[in-house]
């Protein structure tokens, strides 16, 4: 997904109070991330939640990885690495 398309998507998502409220429900945020990633957006949990009032959203390049953030390198929907203790840890592959 192109960066401008992702920026537009996230801006619309952050501006929608109903969506933001729904994302606070158990399991909804994780499901929303999986759907967005399947649609081609490179997002994590923190990307979908609107930033607190008065705080601007950082670009993907400026934002450090969050604890528990996952990466799916090959796009198969299975996380390949997770951020733990400030470093990326590769997960076991069953391939």
PDB file of N, CA and C in Angstrom:
ATOM      1  N   UNK A   1       0.859  -1.172   0.000  1.00  0.00           N
ATOM      2  CA  UNK A   1       0.000   0.000   0.000  1.00  0.00           C
ATOM      3  C   UNK A   1       0.900   1.228   0.000  1.00  0.00           C
ATOM      4  N   UNK A   2       0.541   2.201  -0.800  1.00  0.00           N
ATOM      5  CA  UNK A   2       1.342   3.412  -0.860  1.00  0.00           C
ATOM      6  C   UNK A   2       1.204   4.204   0.428  1.00  0.00           C
ATOM      7  N   UNK A   3       2.230   4.946   0.760  1.00  0.00           N
ATOM      8  CA  UNK A   3       2.213   5.724   1.999  1.00  0.00           C
ATOM      9  C   UNK A   3       1.055   6.726   2.050  1.00  0.00           C
ATOM     10  N   UNK A   4       0.768   7.493   0.965  1.00  0.00           N
ATOM     11  CA  UNK A   4      -0.364   8.426   1.025  1.00  0.00           C
ATOM     12  C   UNK A   4      -1.697   7.718   1.292  1.00  0.00           C
ATOM     13  N   UNK A   5      -1.899   6.542   0.693  1.00  0.00           N
ATOM     14  CA  UNK A   5      -3.149   5.804   0.931  1.00  0.00           C
ATOM     15  C   UNK A   5      -3.235   5.376   2.385  1.00  0.00           C
ATOM     16  N   UNK A   6      -2.128   4.942   2.949  1.00  0.00           N
ATOM     17  CA  UNK A   6      -2.134   4.518   4.353  1.00  0.00           C
ATOM     18  C   UNK A   6      -2.370   5.720   5.265  1.00  0.00           C
ATOM     19  N   UNK A   7      -1.765   6.850   4.955  1.00  0.00           N
ATOM     20  CA  UNK A   7      -1.955   8.063   5.754  1.00  0.00           C
ATOM     21  C   UNK A   7      -3.415   8.488   5.738  1.00  0.00           C
ATOM     22  N   UNK A   8      -4.049   8.438   4.572  1.00  0.00           N
ATOM     23  CA  UNK A   8      -5.465   8.791   4.447  1.00  0.00           C
ATOM     24  C   UNK A   8      -6.328   7.816   5.236  1.00  0.00           C
ATOM     25  N   UNK A   9      -6.031   6.523   5.126  1.00  0.00           N
ATOM     26  CA  UNK A   9      -6.757   5.488   5.862  1.00  0.00           C
ATOM     27  C   UNK A   9      -6.679   5.728   7.368  1.00  0.00           C
ATOM     28  N   UNK A  10      -5.459   5.960   7.873  1.00  0.00           N
ATOM     29  CA  UNK A  10      -5.286   6.156   9.315  1.00  0.00           C
ATOM     30  C   UNK A  10      -5.957   7.443   9.787  1.00  0.00           C
ATOM     31  N   UNK A  11      -5.886   8.504   8.996  1.00  0.00           N
ATOM     32  CA  UNK A  11      -6.540   9.760   9.378  1.00  0.00           C
ATOM     33  C   UNK A  11      -8.051   9.565   9.502  1.00  0.00           C
ATOM     34  N   UNK A  12      -8.646   8.858   8.557  1.00  0.00           N
ATOM     35  CA  UNK A  12     -10.092   8.598   8.614  1.00  0.00           C
ATOM     36  C   UNK A  12     -10.437   7.719   9.812  1.00  0.00           C
ATOM     37  N   UNK A  13      -9.619   6.735  10.069  1.00  0.00           N
ATOM     38  CA  UNK A  13      -9.836   5.838  11.205  1.00  0.00           C
ATOM     39  C   UNK A  13      -9.744   6.593  12.527  1.00  0.00           C
ATOM     40  N   UNK A  14      -8.760   7.468  12.651  1.00  0.00           N
ATOM     41  CA  UNK A  14      -8.569   8.230  13.885  1.00  0.00           C
ATOM     42  C   UNK A  14      -9.682   9.248  14.113  1.00  0.00           C
ATOM     43  N   UNK A  15     -10.264   9.762  13.040  1.00  0.00           N
ATOM     44  CA  UNK A  15     -11.306  10.782  13.155  1.00  0.00           C
ATOM     45  C   UNK A  15     -12.674  10.194  13.496  1.00  0.00           C
ATOM     46  N   UNK A  16     -12.848   8.903  13.334  1.00  0.00           N
ATOM     47  CA  UNK A  16     -14.146   8.267  13.559  1.00  0.00           C
ATOM     48  C   UNK A  16     -14.260   7.802  15.012  1.00  0.00           C
ATOM     49  N   UNK A  17     -15.024   8.537  15.807  1.00  0.00           N
ATOM     50  CA  UNK A  17     -15.148   8.217  17.241  1.00  0.00           C
ATOM     51  C   UNK A  17     -15.789   6.856  17.481  1.00  0.00           C
ATOM     52  N   UNK A  18     -16.731   6.476  16.628  1.00  0.00           N
ATOM     53  CA  UNK A  18     -17.389   5.178  16.780  1.00  0.00           C
ATOM     54  C   UNK A  18     -16.383   4.047  16.585  1.00  0.00           C
ATOM     55  N   UNK A  19     -15.544   4.170  15.565  1.00  0.00           N
ATOM     56  CA  UNK A  19     -14.521   3.153  15.314  1.00  0.00           C
ATOM     57  C   UNK A  19     -13.526   3.128  16.465  1.00  0.00           C
ATOM     58  N   UNK A  20     -13.081   4.297  16.905  1.00  0.00           N
ATOM     59  CA  UNK A  20     -12.117   4.349  17.999  1.00  0.00           C
ATOM     60  C   UNK A  20     -12.676   3.689  19.262  1.00  0.00           C
ATOM     61  N   UNK A  21     -13.946   3.915  19.544  1.00  0.00           N
ATOM     62  CA  UNK A  21     -14.580   3.294  20.712  1.00  0.00           C
ATOM     63  C   UNK A  21     -14.647   1.773  20.522  1.00  0.00           C
ATOM     64  N   UNK A  22     -14.995   1.324  19.321  1.00  0.00           N
ATOM     65  CA  UNK A  22     -15.077  -0.112  19.046  1.00  0.00           C
ATOM     66  C   UNK A  22     -13.723  -0.792  19.217  1.00  0.00           C
ATOM     67  N   UNK A  23     -12.641  -0.092  18.857  1.00  0.00           N
ATOM     68  CA  UNK A  23     -11.296  -0.665  18.960  1.00  0.00           C
ATOM     69  C   UNK A  23     -10.871  -0.929  20.400  1.00  0.00           C
ATOM     70  N   UNK A  24     -11.571  -0.349  21.364  1.00  0.00           N
ATOM     71  CA  UNK A  24     -11.237  -0.577  22.775  1.00  0.00           C
ATOM     72  C   UNK A  24     -11.865  -1.859  23.312  1.00  0.00           C
ATOM     73  N   UNK A  25     -12.773  -2.470  22.547  1.00  0.00           N
ATOM     74  CA  UNK A  25     -13.427  -3.707  22.982  1.00  0.00           C
ATOM     75  C   UNK A  25     -12.456  -4.879  22.851  1.00  0.00           C
ATOM     76  N   UNK A  26     -12.538  -5.861  23.750  1.00  0.00           N
ATOM     77  CA  UNK A  26     -11.608  -6.998  23.720  1.00  0.00           C
ATOM     78  C   UNK A  26     -11.577  -7.697  22.359  1.00  0.00           C
ATOM     79  N   UNK A  27     -10.383  -7.875  21.830  1.00  0.00           N
ATOM     80  CA  UNK A  27     -10.174  -8.607  20.593  1.00  0.00           C
ATOM     81  C   UNK A  27     -10.396  -7.824  19.311  1.00  0.00           C
ATOM     82  N   UNK A  28     -11.098  -6.702  19.378  1.00  0.00           N
ATOM     83  CA  UNK A  28     -11.434  -5.953  18.171  1.00  0.00           C
ATOM     84  C   UNK A  28     -10.187  -5.331  17.549  1.00  0.00           C
ATOM     85  N   UNK A  29      -9.304  -4.770  18.362  1.00  0.00           N
ATOM     86  CA  UNK A  29      -8.100  -4.128  17.837  1.00  0.00           C
ATOM     87  C   UNK A  29      -7.224  -5.133  17.104  1.00  0.00           C
ATOM     88  N   UNK A  30      -7.026  -6.305  17.683  1.00  0.00           N
ATOM     89  CA  UNK A  30      -6.202  -7.327  17.017  1.00  0.00           C
ATOM     90  C   UNK A  30      -6.838  -7.764  15.701  1.00  0.00           C
ATOM     91  N   UNK A  31      -8.144  -7.925  15.687  1.00  0.00           N
ATOM     92  CA  UNK A  31      -8.838  -8.294  14.461  1.00  0.00           C
ATOM     93  C   UNK A  31      -8.715  -7.190  13.412  1.00  0.00           C
ATOM     94  N   UNK A  32      -8.858  -5.950  13.835  1.00  0.00           N
ATOM     95  CA  UNK A  32      -8.745  -4.819  12.906  1.00  0.00           C
ATOM     96  C   UNK A  32      -7.348  -4.752  12.292  1.00  0.00           C
ATOM     97  N   UNK A  33      -6.318  -5.025  13.083  1.00  0.00           N
ATOM     98  CA  UNK A  33      -4.942  -5.037  12.562  1.00  0.00           C
ATOM     99  C   UNK A  33      -4.803  -6.128  11.510  1.00  0.00           C
ATOM    100  N   UNK A  34      -5.331  -7.310  11.791  1.00  0.00           N
ATOM    101  CA  UNK A  34      -5.231  -8.409  10.834  1.00  0.00           C
ATOM    102  C   UNK A  34      -5.959  -8.087   9.539  1.00  0.00           C
ATOM    103  N   UNK A  35      -7.121  -7.455   9.639  1.00  0.00           N
ATOM    104  CA  UNK A  35      -7.876  -7.082   8.441  1.00  0.00           C
ATOM    105  C   UNK A  35      -7.115  -6.027   7.641  1.00  0.00           C
ATOM    106  N   UNK A  36      -6.596  -5.003   8.327  1.00  0.00           N
ATOM    107  CA  UNK A  36      -5.852  -3.946   7.639  1.00  0.00           C
ATOM    108  C   UNK A  36      -4.605  -4.506   6.964  1.00  0.00           C
ATOM    109  N   UNK A  37      -3.909  -5.414   7.643  1.00  0.00           N
ATOM    110  CA  UNK A  37      -2.717  -6.013   7.055  1.00  0.00           C
ATOM    111  C   UNK A  37      -3.080  -6.872   5.850  1.00  0.00           C
ATOM    112  N   UNK A  38      -4.192  -7.588   5.924  1.00  0.00           N
ATOM    113  CA  UNK A  38      -4.633  -8.402   4.788  1.00  0.00           C
ATOM    114  C   UNK A  38      -4.990  -7.514   3.595  1.00  0.00           C
ATOM    115  N   UNK A  39      -5.417  -6.281   3.873  1.00  0.00           N
ATOM    116  CA  UNK A  39      -5.751  -5.339   2.805  1.00  0.00           C
ATOM    117  C   UNK A  39      -4.511  -4.641   2.243  1.00  0.00           C
ATOM    118  N   UNK A  40      -3.343  -4.925   2.828  1.00  0.00           N
ATOM    119  CA  UNK A  40      -2.107  -4.371   2.300  1.00  0.00           C
ATOM    120  C   UNK A  40      -1.515  -3.224   3.091  1.00  0.00           C
ATOM    121  N   UNK A  41      -2.148  -2.853   4.201  1.00  0.00           N
ATOM    122  CA  UNK A  41      -1.604  -1.775   5.038  1.00  0.00           C
ATOM    123  C   UNK A  41      -0.558  -2.348   5.984  1.00  0.00           C
ATOM    124  N   UNK A  42       0.544  -1.627   6.153  1.00  0.00           N
ATOM    125  CA  UNK A  42       1.587  -2.032   7.096  1.00  0.00           C
ATOM    126  C   UNK A  42       1.325  -1.315   8.409  1.00  0.00           C
ATOM    127  N   UNK A  43       0.518  -1.931   9.270  1.00  0.00           N
ATOM    128  CA  UNK A  43       0.111  -1.303  10.523  1.00  0.00           C
ATOM    129  C   UNK A  43       0.305  -2.246  11.696  1.00  0.00           C
ATOM    130  N   UNK A  44       0.360  -1.650  12.876  1.00  0.00           N
ATOM    131  CA  UNK A  44       0.381  -2.402  14.120  1.00  0.00           C
ATOM    132  C   UNK A  44      -0.749  -1.854  15.001  1.00  0.00           C
ATOM    133  N   UNK A  45      -0.907  -2.403  16.174  1.00  0.00           N
ATOM    134  CA  UNK A  45      -1.996  -2.002  17.075  1.00  0.00           C
ATOM    135  C   UNK A  45      -1.990  -0.504  17.343  1.00  0.00           C
ATOM    136  N   UNK A  46      -0.840   0.058  17.629  1.00  0.00           N
ATOM    137  CA  UNK A  46      -0.744   1.477  17.958  1.00  0.00           C
ATOM    138  C   UNK A  46      -1.098   2.398  16.807  1.00  0.00           C
ATOM    139  N   UNK A  47      -0.964   1.919  15.580  1.00  0.00           N
ATOM    140  CA  UNK A  47      -1.286   2.738  14.423  1.00  0.00           C
ATOM    141  C   UNK A  47      -2.785   3.012  14.318  1.00  0.00           C
ATOM    142  N   UNK A  48      -3.601   2.043  14.718  1.00  0.00           N
ATOM    143  CA  UNK A  48      -5.042   2.169  14.527  1.00  0.00           C
ATOM    144  C   UNK A  48      -5.719   3.040  15.574  1.00  0.00           C
ATOM    145  N   UNK A  49      -5.113   3.166  16.727  1.00  0.00           N
ATOM    146  CA  UNK A  49      -5.687   3.993  17.782  1.00  0.00           C
ATOM    147  C   UNK A  49      -5.283   5.447  17.569  1.00  0.00           C
ATOM    148  N   UNK A  50      -6.241   6.345  17.742  1.00  0.00           N
ATOM    149  CA  UNK A  50      -5.949   7.776  17.592  1.00  0.00           C
ATOM    150  C   UNK A  50      -4.969   8.201  18.678  1.00  0.00           C
ATOM    151  N   UNK A  51      -4.030   9.094  18.344  1.00  0.00           N
ATOM    152  CA  UNK A  51      -3.106   9.582  19.366  1.00  0.00           C
ATOM    153  C   UNK A  51      -3.872  10.401  20.396  1.00  0.00           C
ATOM    154  N   UNK A  52      -3.349  10.483  21.634  1.00  0.00           N
ATOM    155  CA  UNK A  52      -4.011  11.302  22.656  1.00  0.00           C
ATOM    156  C   UNK A  52      -4.141  12.749  22.184  1.00  0.00           C
ATOM    157  N   UNK A  53      -5.150  13.473  22.668  1.00  0.00           N
ATOM    158  CA  UNK A  53      -5.324  14.876  22.262  1.00  0.00           C
ATOM    159  C   UNK A  53      -4.032  15.673  22.478  1.00  0.00           C
ATOM    160  N   UNK A  54      -3.686  16.478  21.497  1.00  0.00           N
ATOM    161  CA  UNK A  54      -2.496  17.318  21.597  1.00  0.00           C
ATOM    162  C   UNK A  54      -1.210  16.620  21.182  1.00  0.00           C
ATOM    163  N   UNK A  55      -1.284  15.336  20.879  1.00  0.00           N
ATOM    164  CA  UNK A  55      -0.085  14.601  20.457  1.00  0.00           C
ATOM    165  C   UNK A  55      -0.258  14.191  19.000  1.00  0.00           C
ATOM    166  N   UNK A  56       0.678  14.576  18.169  1.00  0.00           N
ATOM    167  CA  UNK A  56       0.608  14.248  16.748  1.00  0.00           C
ATOM    168  C   UNK A  56       1.024  12.806  16.529  1.00  0.00           C
ATOM    169  N   UNK A  57       0.453  12.176  15.528  1.00  0.00           N
ATOM    170  CA  UNK A  57       0.850  10.834  15.142  1.00  0.00           C
ATOM    171  C   UNK A  57       2.209  10.902  14.470  1.00  0.00           C
ATOM    172  N   UNK A  58       3.141  10.076  14.919  1.00  0.00           N
ATOM    173  CA  UNK A  58       4.463  10.036  14.300  1.00  0.00           C
ATOM    174  C   UNK A  58       4.394   9.220  13.025  1.00  0.00           C
ATOM    175  N   UNK A  59       5.277   9.529  12.104  1.00  0.00           N
ATOM    176  CA  UNK A  59       5.326   8.730  10.883  1.00  0.00           C
ATOM    177  C   UNK A  59       5.871   7.351  11.225  1.00  0.00           C
ATOM    178  N   UNK A  60       5.671   6.401  10.314  1.00  0.00           N
ATOM    179  CA  UNK A  60       6.156   5.048  10.536  1.00  0.00           C
ATOM    180  C   UNK A  60       7.655   5.023  10.737  1.00  0.00           C
ATOM    181  N   UNK A  61       8.375   5.939  10.048  1.00  0.00           N
ATOM    182  CA  UNK A  61       9.823   5.964  10.155  1.00  0.00           C
ATOM    183  C   UNK A  61      10.296   6.532  11.500  1.00  0.00           C
ATOM    184  N   UNK A  62       9.527   7.433  12.101  1.00  0.00           N
ATOM    185  CA  UNK A  62       9.939   8.092  13.337  1.00  0.00           C
ATOM    186  C   UNK A  62       9.566   7.298  14.589  1.00  0.00           C
ATOM    187  N   UNK A  63       8.563   6.451  14.482  1.00  0.00           N
ATOM    188  CA  UNK A  63       8.016   5.780  15.656  1.00  0.00           C
ATOM    189  C   UNK A  63       8.822   4.528  15.986  1.00  0.00           C
ATOM    190  N   UNK A  64       9.300   4.391  17.221  1.00  0.00           N
ATOM    191  CA  UNK A  64      10.002   3.165  17.590  1.00  0.00           C
ATOM    192  C   UNK A  64       9.012   2.008  17.713  1.00  0.00           C
ATOM    193  N   UNK A  65       9.503   0.798  17.549  1.00  0.00           N
ATOM    194  CA  UNK A  65       8.649  -0.379  17.689  1.00  0.00           C
ATOM    195  C   UNK A  65       8.179  -0.497  19.134  1.00  0.00           C
ATOM    196  N   UNK A  66       6.938  -0.902  19.311  1.00  0.00           N
ATOM    197  CA  UNK A  66       6.338  -1.047  20.639  1.00  0.00           C
ATOM    198  C   UNK A  66       6.536  -2.476  21.144  1.00  0.00           C
ATOM    199  N   UNK A  67       6.621  -2.615  22.446  1.00  0.00           N
ATOM    200  CA  UNK A  67       6.717  -3.924  23.075  1.00  0.00           C
ATOM    201  C   UNK A  67       5.536  -4.782  22.625  1.00  0.00           C
ATOM    202  N   UNK A  68       5.818  -5.991  22.171  1.00  0.00           N
ATOM    203  CA  UNK A  68       4.772  -6.895  21.715  1.00  0.00           C
ATOM    204  C   UNK A  68       4.399  -6.734  20.251  1.00  0.00           C
ATOM    205  N   UNK A  69       4.950  -5.709  19.584  1.00  0.00           N
ATOM    206  CA  UNK A  69       4.665  -5.514  18.154  1.00  0.00           C
ATOM    207  C   UNK A  69       5.212  -6.704  17.379  1.00  0.00           C
ATOM    208  N   UNK A  70       4.470  -7.139  16.388  1.00  0.00           N
ATOM    209  CA  UNK A  70       4.863  -8.292  15.591  1.00  0.00           C
ATOM    210  C   UNK A  70       5.123  -7.881  14.149  1.00  0.00           C
ATOM    211  N   UNK A  71       5.947  -8.685  13.472  1.00  0.00           N
ATOM    212  CA  UNK A  71       6.225  -8.476  12.048  1.00  0.00           C
ATOM    213  C   UNK A  71       5.965  -9.791  11.322  1.00  0.00           C
ATOM    214  N   UNK A  72       5.274  -9.687  10.202  1.00  0.00           N
ATOM    215  CA  UNK A  72       5.041 -10.831   9.323  1.00  0.00           C
ATOM    216  C   UNK A  72       5.859 -10.570   8.062  1.00  0.00           C
ATOM    217  N   UNK A  73       7.083 -11.066   8.014  1.00  0.00           N
ATOM    218  CA  UNK A  73       7.996 -10.788   6.912  1.00  0.00           C
ATOM    219  C   UNK A  73       7.481 -11.292   5.565  1.00  0.00           C
ATOM    220  N   UNK A  74       6.894 -12.473   5.556  1.00  0.00           N
ATOM    221  CA  UNK A  74       6.520 -13.092   4.288  1.00  0.00           C
ATOM    222  C   UNK A  74       5.053 -12.937   3.918  1.00  0.00           C
ATOM    223  N   UNK A  75       4.279 -12.238   4.745  1.00  0.00           N
ATOM    224  CA  UNK A  75       2.896 -11.941   4.419  1.00  0.00           C
ATOM    225  C   UNK A  75       1.949 -13.119   4.482  1.00  0.00           C
ATOM    226  N   UNK A  76       2.329 -14.182   5.216  1.00  0.00           N
ATOM    227  CA  UNK A  76       1.449 -15.347   5.294  1.00  0.00           C
ATOM    228  C   UNK A  76       0.447 -15.261   6.440  1.00  0.00           C
ATOM    229  N   UNK A  77       0.451 -14.135   7.161  1.00  0.00           N
ATOM    230  CA  UNK A  77      -0.486 -13.957   8.269  1.00  0.00           C
ATOM    231  C   UNK A  77       0.013 -14.517   9.594  1.00  0.00           C
ATOM    232  N   UNK A  78       1.194 -15.112   9.595  1.00  0.00           N
ATOM    233  CA  UNK A  78       1.785 -15.671  10.808  1.00  0.00           C
ATOM    234  C   UNK A  78       2.968 -14.793  11.200  1.00  0.00           C
ATOM    235  N   UNK A  79       2.983 -14.248  12.437  1.00  0.00           N
ATOM    236  CA  UNK A  79       4.103 -13.394  12.845  1.00  0.00           C
ATOM    237  C   UNK A  79       5.433 -14.138  12.789  1.00  0.00           C
ATOM    238  N   UNK A  80       6.452 -13.449  12.281  1.00  0.00           N
ATOM    239  CA  UNK A  80       7.784 -14.030  12.180  1.00  0.00           C
ATOM    240  C   UNK A  80       8.740 -13.500  13.248  1.00  0.00           C
ATOM    241  N   UNK A  81       8.422 -12.344  13.823  1.00  0.00           N
ATOM    242  CA  UNK A  81       9.255 -11.749  14.866  1.00  0.00           C
ATOM    243  C   UNK A  81       8.378 -10.905  15.771  1.00  0.00           C
ATOM    244  N   UNK A  82       8.825 -10.723  17.017  1.00  0.00           N
ATOM    245  CA  UNK A  82       8.093  -9.916  17.989  1.00  0.00           C
ATOM    246  C   UNK A  82       9.093  -9.046  18.755  1.00  0.00           C
ATOM    247  N   UNK A  83       8.677  -7.817  19.106  1.00  0.00           N
ATOM    248  CA  UNK A  83       9.522  -6.914  19.879  1.00  0.00           C
ATOM    249  C   UNK A  83       9.403  -7.296  21.361  1.00  0.00           C
ATOM    250  N   UNK A  84      10.517  -7.676  21.961  1.00  0.00           N
ATOM    251  CA  UNK A  84      10.554  -8.036  23.378  1.00  0.00           C
ATOM    252  C   UNK A  84      11.803  -7.438  24.006  1.00  0.00           C
ATOM    253  N   UNK A  85      11.618  -6.707  25.084  1.00  0.00           N
ATOM    254  CA  UNK A  85      12.756  -6.138  25.797  1.00  0.00           C
ATOM    255  C   UNK A  85      13.589  -5.196  24.966  1.00  0.00           C
ATOM    256  N   UNK A  86      12.951  -4.487  24.040  1.00  0.00           N
ATOM    257  CA  UNK A  86      13.658  -3.522  23.217  1.00  0.00           C
ATOM    258  C   UNK A  86      14.409  -4.105  22.036  1.00  0.00           C
ATOM    259  N   UNK A  87      14.209  -5.410  21.741  1.00  0.00           N
ATOM    260  CA  UNK A  87      14.855  -6.016  20.585  1.00  0.00           C
ATOM    261  C   UNK A  87      13.892  -6.959  19.878  1.00  0.00           C
ATOM    262  N   UNK A  88      14.142  -7.161  18.603  1.00  0.00           N
ATOM    263  CA  UNK A  88      13.324  -8.064  17.809  1.00  0.00           C
ATOM    264  C   UNK A  88      13.754  -9.502  18.057  1.00  0.00           C
ATOM    265  N   UNK A  89      12.790 -10.357  18.340  1.00  0.00           N
ATOM    266  CA  UNK A  89      13.050 -11.776  18.578  1.00  0.00           C
ATOM    267  C   UNK A  89      12.365 -12.555  17.460  1.00  0.00           C
ATOM    268  N   UNK A  90      13.140 -13.377  16.736  1.00  0.00           N
ATOM    269  CA  UNK A  90      12.562 -14.209  15.692  1.00  0.00           C
ATOM    270  C   UNK A  90      11.757 -15.328  16.330  1.00  0.00           C
ATOM    271  N   UNK A  91      10.593 -15.614  15.774  1.00  0.00           N
ATOM    272  CA  UNK A  91       9.744 -16.687  16.269  1.00  0.00           C
ATOM    273  C   UNK A  91      10.034 -17.973  15.511  1.00  0.00           C
ATOM    274  N   UNK A  92       9.793 -19.111  16.160  1.00  0.00           N
ATOM    275  CA  UNK A  92       9.998 -20.401  15.506  1.00  0.00           C
ATOM    276  C   UNK A  92       9.055 -20.542  14.323  1.00  0.00           C
ATOM    277  N   UNK A  93       9.563 -21.117  13.269  1.00  0.00           N
ATOM    278  CA  UNK A  93       8.759 -21.357  12.073  1.00  0.00           C
ATOM    279  C   UNK A  93       8.428 -22.831  12.004  1.00  0.00           C
ATOM    280  N   UNK A  94       7.215 -23.142  11.601  1.00  0.00           N
ATOM    281  CA  UNK A  94       6.806 -24.539  11.482  1.00  0.00           C
ATOM    282  C   UNK A  94       6.834 -24.994  10.039  1.00  0.00           C
ATOM    283  N   UNK A  95       7.449 -24.186   9.148  1.00  0.00           N
ATOM    284  CA  UNK A  95       7.540 -24.546   7.725  1.00  0.00           C
ATOM    285  C   UNK A  95       8.585 -25.606   7.511  1.00  0.00           C
TER     286      UNK A  95
END
